[in-house]
Amino acid sequence: MADKLMIVMVNTDPRDPAELGAPFFQATVAAAMEYEVEVVLTGRAGELAIKGVAEKLHVKEGSPKSVYDFMKDAHEAGVKFKVCTPTLELWGEDLIPEIEETVGGAYVISQAMDDDVVTFTY
């Protein structure tokens, strides 16, 4: 059985914040279950790695909890956040402090192909 969960957020669009709750919630739950968990932000979802973006978004309109609050909860549970290098070229390099590493496409592919890693994509 795999002991690591990699969540790749590539198709999730910050312009539709209702899409953003599930990946962070599932990451938090998996970390609480003591799995190694990482969230890789890339493509349009990579914008969430930039300071100030996720703070302005709410999964549900009127909710006091921002998308950034969900990300901080996940990080506090042990989730590691990574951002893909091309994302920095698109959205900039002023990253939230929860981003622990910048990775490339080869890293994502090698992890996705590893039998000890389960990969979810959003």
N, C-alpha and C. Protein backbone atom coordinates (compact mmCIF):
# COMPACT_ATOMS: atom_id res chain seq x y z
N MET A 1 0.84 -1.18 0.00
CA MET A 1 0.00 0.00 0.00
C MET A 1 0.88 1.25 0.00
N ALA A 2 0.47 2.22 -0.77
CA ALA A 2 1.22 3.48 -0.84
C ALA A 2 1.15 4.21 0.49
N ASP A 3 2.19 4.97 0.78
CA ASP A 3 2.21 5.74 2.03
C ASP A 3 2.32 7.24 1.79
N LYS A 4 2.22 7.63 0.52
CA LYS A 4 2.31 9.05 0.18
C LYS A 4 1.19 9.43 -0.78
N LEU A 5 0.64 10.61 -0.57
CA LEU A 5 -0.38 11.17 -1.46
C LEU A 5 0.17 12.46 -2.06
N MET A 6 0.18 12.52 -3.37
CA MET A 6 0.56 13.75 -4.08
C MET A 6 -0.70 14.28 -4.76
N ILE A 7 -1.05 15.50 -4.42
CA ILE A 7 -2.17 16.17 -5.04
C ILE A 7 -1.61 17.21 -5.99
N VAL A 8 -1.91 17.07 -7.27
CA VAL A 8 -1.45 18.01 -8.27
C VAL A 8 -2.64 18.89 -8.66
N MET A 9 -2.51 20.16 -8.35
CA MET A 9 -3.56 21.11 -8.72
C MET A 9 -3.10 21.85 -9.97
N VAL A 10 -3.66 21.45 -11.10
CA VAL A 10 -3.29 22.02 -12.38
C VAL A 10 -4.50 22.54 -13.14
N ASN A 11 -5.62 21.89 -13.01
CA ASN A 11 -6.84 22.28 -13.73
C ASN A 11 -7.79 23.10 -12.87
N THR A 12 -7.49 23.21 -11.59
CA THR A 12 -8.34 23.96 -10.68
C THR A 12 -8.11 25.45 -10.92
N ASP A 13 -9.18 26.18 -11.09
CA ASP A 13 -9.06 27.59 -11.45
C ASP A 13 -9.45 28.48 -10.28
N PRO A 14 -8.53 29.31 -9.79
CA PRO A 14 -8.85 30.21 -8.69
C PRO A 14 -10.02 31.15 -8.98
N ARG A 15 -10.36 31.31 -10.26
CA ARG A 15 -11.51 32.15 -10.60
C ARG A 15 -12.83 31.49 -10.24
N ASP A 16 -12.78 30.18 -9.88
CA ASP A 16 -13.95 29.45 -9.41
C ASP A 16 -13.61 28.85 -8.05
N PRO A 17 -13.64 29.66 -6.99
CA PRO A 17 -13.18 29.22 -5.67
C PRO A 17 -13.91 28.01 -5.10
N ALA A 18 -15.13 27.73 -5.56
CA ALA A 18 -15.84 26.56 -5.06
C ALA A 18 -15.09 25.27 -5.36
N GLU A 19 -14.21 25.29 -6.38
CA GLU A 19 -13.41 24.13 -6.74
C GLU A 19 -12.25 23.89 -5.79
N LEU A 20 -11.93 24.85 -4.96
CA LEU A 20 -10.67 24.82 -4.21
C LEU A 20 -10.75 24.14 -2.85
N GLY A 21 -11.93 23.93 -2.32
CA GLY A 21 -12.04 23.35 -0.99
C GLY A 21 -11.63 21.89 -0.92
N ALA A 22 -12.13 21.07 -1.83
CA ALA A 22 -11.91 19.62 -1.76
C ALA A 22 -10.43 19.21 -1.73
N PRO A 23 -9.59 19.73 -2.62
CA PRO A 23 -8.20 19.27 -2.58
C PRO A 23 -7.49 19.58 -1.26
N PHE A 24 -7.74 20.76 -0.71
CA PHE A 24 -7.07 21.12 0.54
C PHE A 24 -7.66 20.34 1.72
N PHE A 25 -8.97 20.11 1.69
CA PHE A 25 -9.61 19.33 2.74
C PHE A 25 -9.09 17.89 2.71
N GLN A 26 -9.03 17.28 1.52
CA GLN A 26 -8.55 15.91 1.41
C GLN A 26 -7.08 15.80 1.81
N ALA A 27 -6.29 16.80 1.47
CA ALA A 27 -4.88 16.81 1.88
C ALA A 27 -4.77 16.84 3.40
N THR A 28 -5.58 17.67 4.04
CA THR A 28 -5.56 17.79 5.49
C THR A 28 -5.96 16.47 6.15
N VAL A 29 -7.02 15.85 5.64
CA VAL A 29 -7.49 14.58 6.19
C VAL A 29 -6.40 13.50 6.04
N ALA A 30 -5.80 13.42 4.87
CA ALA A 30 -4.76 12.41 4.65
C ALA A 30 -3.56 12.63 5.58
N ALA A 31 -3.17 13.88 5.79
CA ALA A 31 -2.07 14.18 6.71
C ALA A 31 -2.46 13.79 8.14
N ALA A 32 -3.71 14.05 8.52
CA ALA A 32 -4.18 13.67 9.85
C ALA A 32 -4.19 12.15 10.02
N MET A 33 -4.34 11.43 8.91
CA MET A 33 -4.28 9.97 8.94
C MET A 33 -2.84 9.47 8.89
N GLU A 34 -1.91 10.39 8.99
CA GLU A 34 -0.47 10.13 9.06
C GLU A 34 0.15 9.65 7.75
N TYR A 35 -0.46 10.02 6.63
CA TYR A 35 0.18 9.80 5.35
C TYR A 35 1.09 10.98 5.06
N GLU A 36 2.12 10.75 4.29
CA GLU A 36 2.93 11.85 3.78
C GLU A 36 2.12 12.48 2.65
N VAL A 37 1.95 13.79 2.70
CA VAL A 37 1.10 14.46 1.72
C VAL A 37 1.80 15.69 1.18
N GLU A 38 1.72 15.85 -0.13
CA GLU A 38 2.20 17.09 -0.73
C GLU A 38 1.20 17.56 -1.77
N VAL A 39 1.12 18.88 -1.86
CA VAL A 39 0.27 19.52 -2.86
C VAL A 39 1.19 20.29 -3.79
N VAL A 40 1.09 19.97 -5.08
CA VAL A 40 1.89 20.66 -6.08
C VAL A 40 0.96 21.61 -6.84
N LEU A 41 1.29 22.88 -6.79
CA LEU A 41 0.51 23.91 -7.48
C LEU A 41 1.18 24.24 -8.81
N THR A 42 0.43 24.13 -9.87
CA THR A 42 0.98 24.42 -11.19
C THR A 42 -0.13 24.93 -12.10
N GLY A 43 0.23 25.42 -13.25
CA GLY A 43 -0.75 25.97 -14.18
C GLY A 43 -1.52 27.11 -13.53
N ARG A 44 -2.78 27.21 -13.85
CA ARG A 44 -3.62 28.29 -13.29
C ARG A 44 -3.68 28.22 -11.77
N ALA A 45 -3.71 27.01 -11.20
CA ALA A 45 -3.77 26.85 -9.75
C ALA A 45 -2.49 27.35 -9.07
N GLY A 46 -1.42 27.47 -9.83
CA GLY A 46 -0.17 27.98 -9.28
C GLY A 46 -0.30 29.40 -8.75
N GLU A 47 -1.30 30.09 -9.23
CA GLU A 47 -1.55 31.46 -8.77
C GLU A 47 -1.83 31.49 -7.26
N LEU A 48 -2.31 30.37 -6.71
CA LEU A 48 -2.59 30.29 -5.27
C LEU A 48 -1.32 30.37 -4.42
N ALA A 49 -0.18 30.12 -5.03
CA ALA A 49 1.09 30.19 -4.31
C ALA A 49 1.57 31.63 -4.11
N ILE A 50 0.95 32.56 -4.80
CA ILE A 50 1.36 33.96 -4.74
C ILE A 50 0.69 34.65 -3.57
N LYS A 51 1.48 35.37 -2.79
CA LYS A 51 0.95 36.09 -1.63
C LYS A 51 -0.25 36.95 -2.03
N GLY A 52 -1.29 36.88 -1.22
CA GLY A 52 -2.46 37.73 -1.40
C GLY A 52 -3.56 37.15 -2.25
N VAL A 53 -3.27 36.14 -3.06
CA VAL A 53 -4.29 35.59 -3.97
C VAL A 53 -5.31 34.74 -3.21
N ALA A 54 -4.84 33.70 -2.52
CA ALA A 54 -5.75 32.78 -1.82
C ALA A 54 -6.46 33.47 -0.65
N GLU A 55 -5.85 34.50 -0.12
CA GLU A 55 -6.45 35.23 1.01
C GLU A 55 -7.74 35.94 0.61
N LYS A 56 -7.87 36.27 -0.66
CA LYS A 56 -9.04 37.01 -1.15
C LYS A 56 -10.16 36.08 -1.62
N LEU A 57 -9.89 34.78 -1.65
CA LEU A 57 -10.86 33.82 -2.18
C LEU A 57 -11.56 33.07 -1.06
N HIS A 58 -12.83 32.77 -1.28
CA HIS A 58 -13.63 32.01 -0.32
C HIS A 58 -14.36 30.91 -1.07
N VAL A 59 -14.26 29.67 -0.56
CA VAL A 59 -14.90 28.53 -1.20
C VAL A 59 -16.39 28.77 -1.33
N LYS A 60 -16.97 29.35 -0.28
CA LYS A 60 -18.39 29.66 -0.28
C LYS A 60 -18.54 31.15 0.01
N GLU A 61 -19.33 31.81 -0.80
CA GLU A 61 -19.55 33.24 -0.62
C GLU A 61 -20.07 33.51 0.78
N GLY A 62 -19.50 34.49 1.43
CA GLY A 62 -19.91 34.87 2.78
C GLY A 62 -19.19 34.12 3.89
N SER A 63 -18.42 33.11 3.54
CA SER A 63 -17.69 32.34 4.54
C SER A 63 -16.55 33.18 5.12
N PRO A 64 -16.36 33.13 6.42
CA PRO A 64 -15.25 33.88 7.01
C PRO A 64 -13.89 33.22 6.73
N LYS A 65 -13.91 31.96 6.32
CA LYS A 65 -12.67 31.21 6.10
C LYS A 65 -12.24 31.33 4.63
N SER A 66 -11.04 31.85 4.43
CA SER A 66 -10.52 32.02 3.06
C SER A 66 -9.88 30.72 2.57
N VAL A 67 -9.63 30.66 1.29
CA VAL A 67 -8.90 29.53 0.71
C VAL A 67 -7.53 29.43 1.36
N TYR A 68 -6.92 30.56 1.63
CA TYR A 68 -5.62 30.57 2.30
C TYR A 68 -5.73 29.93 3.69
N ASP A 69 -6.84 30.14 4.39
CA ASP A 69 -7.04 29.50 5.69
C ASP A 69 -7.05 27.97 5.53
N PHE A 70 -7.70 27.47 4.48
CA PHE A 70 -7.68 26.03 4.21
C PHE A 70 -6.26 25.54 3.94
N MET A 71 -5.50 26.34 3.22
CA MET A 71 -4.11 25.97 2.92
C MET A 71 -3.27 25.96 4.20
N LYS A 72 -3.47 26.94 5.05
CA LYS A 72 -2.72 26.98 6.32
C LYS A 72 -3.11 25.80 7.21
N ASP A 73 -4.38 25.44 7.24
CA ASP A 73 -4.81 24.26 8.02
C ASP A 73 -4.11 23.00 7.52
N ALA A 74 -4.05 22.86 6.20
CA ALA A 74 -3.38 21.70 5.61
C ALA A 74 -1.90 21.69 5.99
N HIS A 75 -1.26 22.82 5.87
CA HIS A 75 0.17 22.92 6.20
C HIS A 75 0.41 22.59 7.66
N GLU A 76 -0.44 23.09 8.54
CA GLU A 76 -0.30 22.80 9.97
C GLU A 76 -0.51 21.31 10.27
N ALA A 77 -1.29 20.63 9.44
CA ALA A 77 -1.51 19.19 9.60
C ALA A 77 -0.33 18.38 9.07
N GLY A 78 0.58 19.04 8.37
CA GLY A 78 1.77 18.35 7.86
C GLY A 78 1.89 18.29 6.35
N VAL A 79 0.95 18.88 5.64
CA VAL A 79 1.01 18.88 4.18
C VAL A 79 2.14 19.78 3.71
N LYS A 80 2.91 19.28 2.75
CA LYS A 80 3.99 20.06 2.15
C LYS A 80 3.49 20.66 0.84
N PHE A 81 3.71 21.95 0.67
CA PHE A 81 3.30 22.64 -0.54
C PHE A 81 4.50 22.90 -1.43
N LYS A 82 4.31 22.60 -2.71
CA LYS A 82 5.35 22.83 -3.71
C LYS A 82 4.74 23.56 -4.89
N VAL A 83 5.58 24.27 -5.62
CA VAL A 83 5.10 24.99 -6.80
C VAL A 83 6.02 24.62 -7.96
N CYS A 84 5.45 24.49 -9.15
CA CYS A 84 6.24 24.15 -10.34
C CYS A 84 6.93 25.40 -10.88
N THR A 85 8.13 25.21 -11.35
CA THR A 85 8.96 26.30 -11.85
C THR A 85 8.27 27.16 -12.90
N PRO A 86 7.61 26.58 -13.92
CA PRO A 86 6.96 27.43 -14.93
C PRO A 86 5.89 28.35 -14.35
N THR A 87 5.30 27.93 -13.24
CA THR A 87 4.29 28.75 -12.58
C THR A 87 4.86 30.10 -12.16
N LEU A 88 6.11 30.08 -11.70
CA LEU A 88 6.74 31.31 -11.26
C LEU A 88 6.88 32.29 -12.41
N GLU A 89 7.11 31.76 -13.60
CA GLU A 89 7.23 32.62 -14.79
C GLU A 89 5.88 33.25 -15.13
N LEU A 90 4.79 32.54 -14.84
CA LEU A 90 3.45 33.06 -15.13
C LEU A 90 2.97 34.06 -14.09
N TRP A 91 3.14 33.73 -12.81
CA TRP A 91 2.48 34.48 -11.75
C TRP A 91 3.43 35.27 -10.84
N GLY A 92 4.73 35.05 -10.95
CA GLY A 92 5.66 35.79 -10.12
C GLY A 92 6.27 34.94 -9.03
N GLU A 93 7.13 35.57 -8.22
CA GLU A 93 7.89 34.81 -7.23
C GLU A 93 7.66 35.26 -5.79
N ASP A 94 6.64 36.07 -5.55
CA ASP A 94 6.34 36.51 -4.19
C ASP A 94 5.42 35.45 -3.56
N LEU A 95 6.02 34.39 -3.04
CA LEU A 95 5.29 33.20 -2.62
C LEU A 95 4.85 33.24 -1.16
N ILE A 96 3.75 32.55 -0.88
CA ILE A 96 3.29 32.39 0.50
C ILE A 96 4.35 31.57 1.26
N PRO A 97 4.45 31.76 2.56
CA PRO A 97 5.49 31.06 3.32
C PRO A 97 5.30 29.54 3.39
N GLU A 98 4.12 29.05 3.09
CA GLU A 98 3.87 27.60 3.15
C GLU A 98 4.51 26.84 1.99
N ILE A 99 4.93 27.54 0.95
CA ILE A 99 5.60 26.86 -0.17
C ILE A 99 7.00 26.45 0.29
N GLU A 100 7.24 25.15 0.27
CA GLU A 100 8.50 24.62 0.78
C GLU A 100 9.54 24.38 -0.30
N GLU A 101 9.07 24.26 -1.56
CA GLU A 101 10.03 23.88 -2.60
C GLU A 101 9.47 24.24 -3.98
N THR A 102 10.37 24.53 -4.87
CA THR A 102 10.03 24.71 -6.28
C THR A 102 10.50 23.45 -7.01
N VAL A 103 9.61 22.85 -7.80
CA VAL A 103 9.94 21.60 -8.49
C VAL A 103 9.64 21.74 -9.97
N GLY A 104 10.19 20.85 -10.75
CA GLY A 104 9.95 20.84 -12.18
C GLY A 104 9.06 19.68 -12.59
N GLY A 105 8.80 19.61 -13.86
CA GLY A 105 7.95 18.56 -14.41
C GLY A 105 8.50 17.16 -14.17
N ALA A 106 9.82 17.02 -14.21
CA ALA A 106 10.42 15.69 -13.99
C ALA A 106 10.12 15.18 -12.59
N TYR A 107 10.09 16.07 -11.62
CA TYR A 107 9.76 15.66 -10.25
C TYR A 107 8.33 15.12 -10.20
N VAL A 108 7.40 15.85 -10.79
CA VAL A 108 5.99 15.43 -10.76
C VAL A 108 5.83 14.07 -11.44
N ILE A 109 6.47 13.91 -12.59
CA ILE A 109 6.38 12.63 -13.31
C ILE A 109 6.98 11.50 -12.49
N SER A 110 8.16 11.73 -11.90
CA SER A 110 8.81 10.65 -11.14
C SER A 110 7.97 10.25 -9.93
N GLN A 111 7.35 11.22 -9.26
CA GLN A 111 6.49 10.90 -8.13
C GLN A 111 5.23 10.17 -8.58
N ALA A 112 4.63 10.62 -9.67
CA ALA A 112 3.41 9.99 -10.17
C ALA A 112 3.64 8.55 -10.60
N MET A 113 4.85 8.25 -11.04
CA MET A 113 5.18 6.90 -11.50
C MET A 113 5.64 5.98 -10.37
N ASP A 114 5.86 6.51 -9.21
CA ASP A 114 6.34 5.74 -8.06
C ASP A 114 5.19 4.91 -7.47
N ASP A 115 5.42 3.62 -7.27
CA ASP A 115 4.39 2.74 -6.73
C ASP A 115 3.99 3.07 -5.30
N ASP A 116 4.83 3.80 -4.58
CA ASP A 116 4.53 4.17 -3.21
C ASP A 116 3.78 5.49 -3.09
N VAL A 117 3.42 6.07 -4.23
CA VAL A 117 2.74 7.37 -4.25
C VAL A 117 1.41 7.25 -4.99
N VAL A 118 0.35 7.72 -4.35
CA VAL A 118 -0.94 7.83 -5.02
C VAL A 118 -1.08 9.29 -5.45
N THR A 119 -1.50 9.51 -6.69
CA THR A 119 -1.61 10.85 -7.22
C THR A 119 -3.07 11.19 -7.51
N PHE A 120 -3.51 12.30 -6.95
CA PHE A 120 -4.81 12.87 -7.28
C PHE A 120 -4.53 14.14 -8.09
N THR A 121 -5.36 14.41 -9.07
CA THR A 121 -5.24 15.67 -9.81
C THR A 121 -6.55 16.42 -9.75
N TYR A 122 -6.43 17.70 -9.65
CA TYR A 122 -7.58 18.60 -9.63
C TYR A 122 -7.34 19.72 -10.61
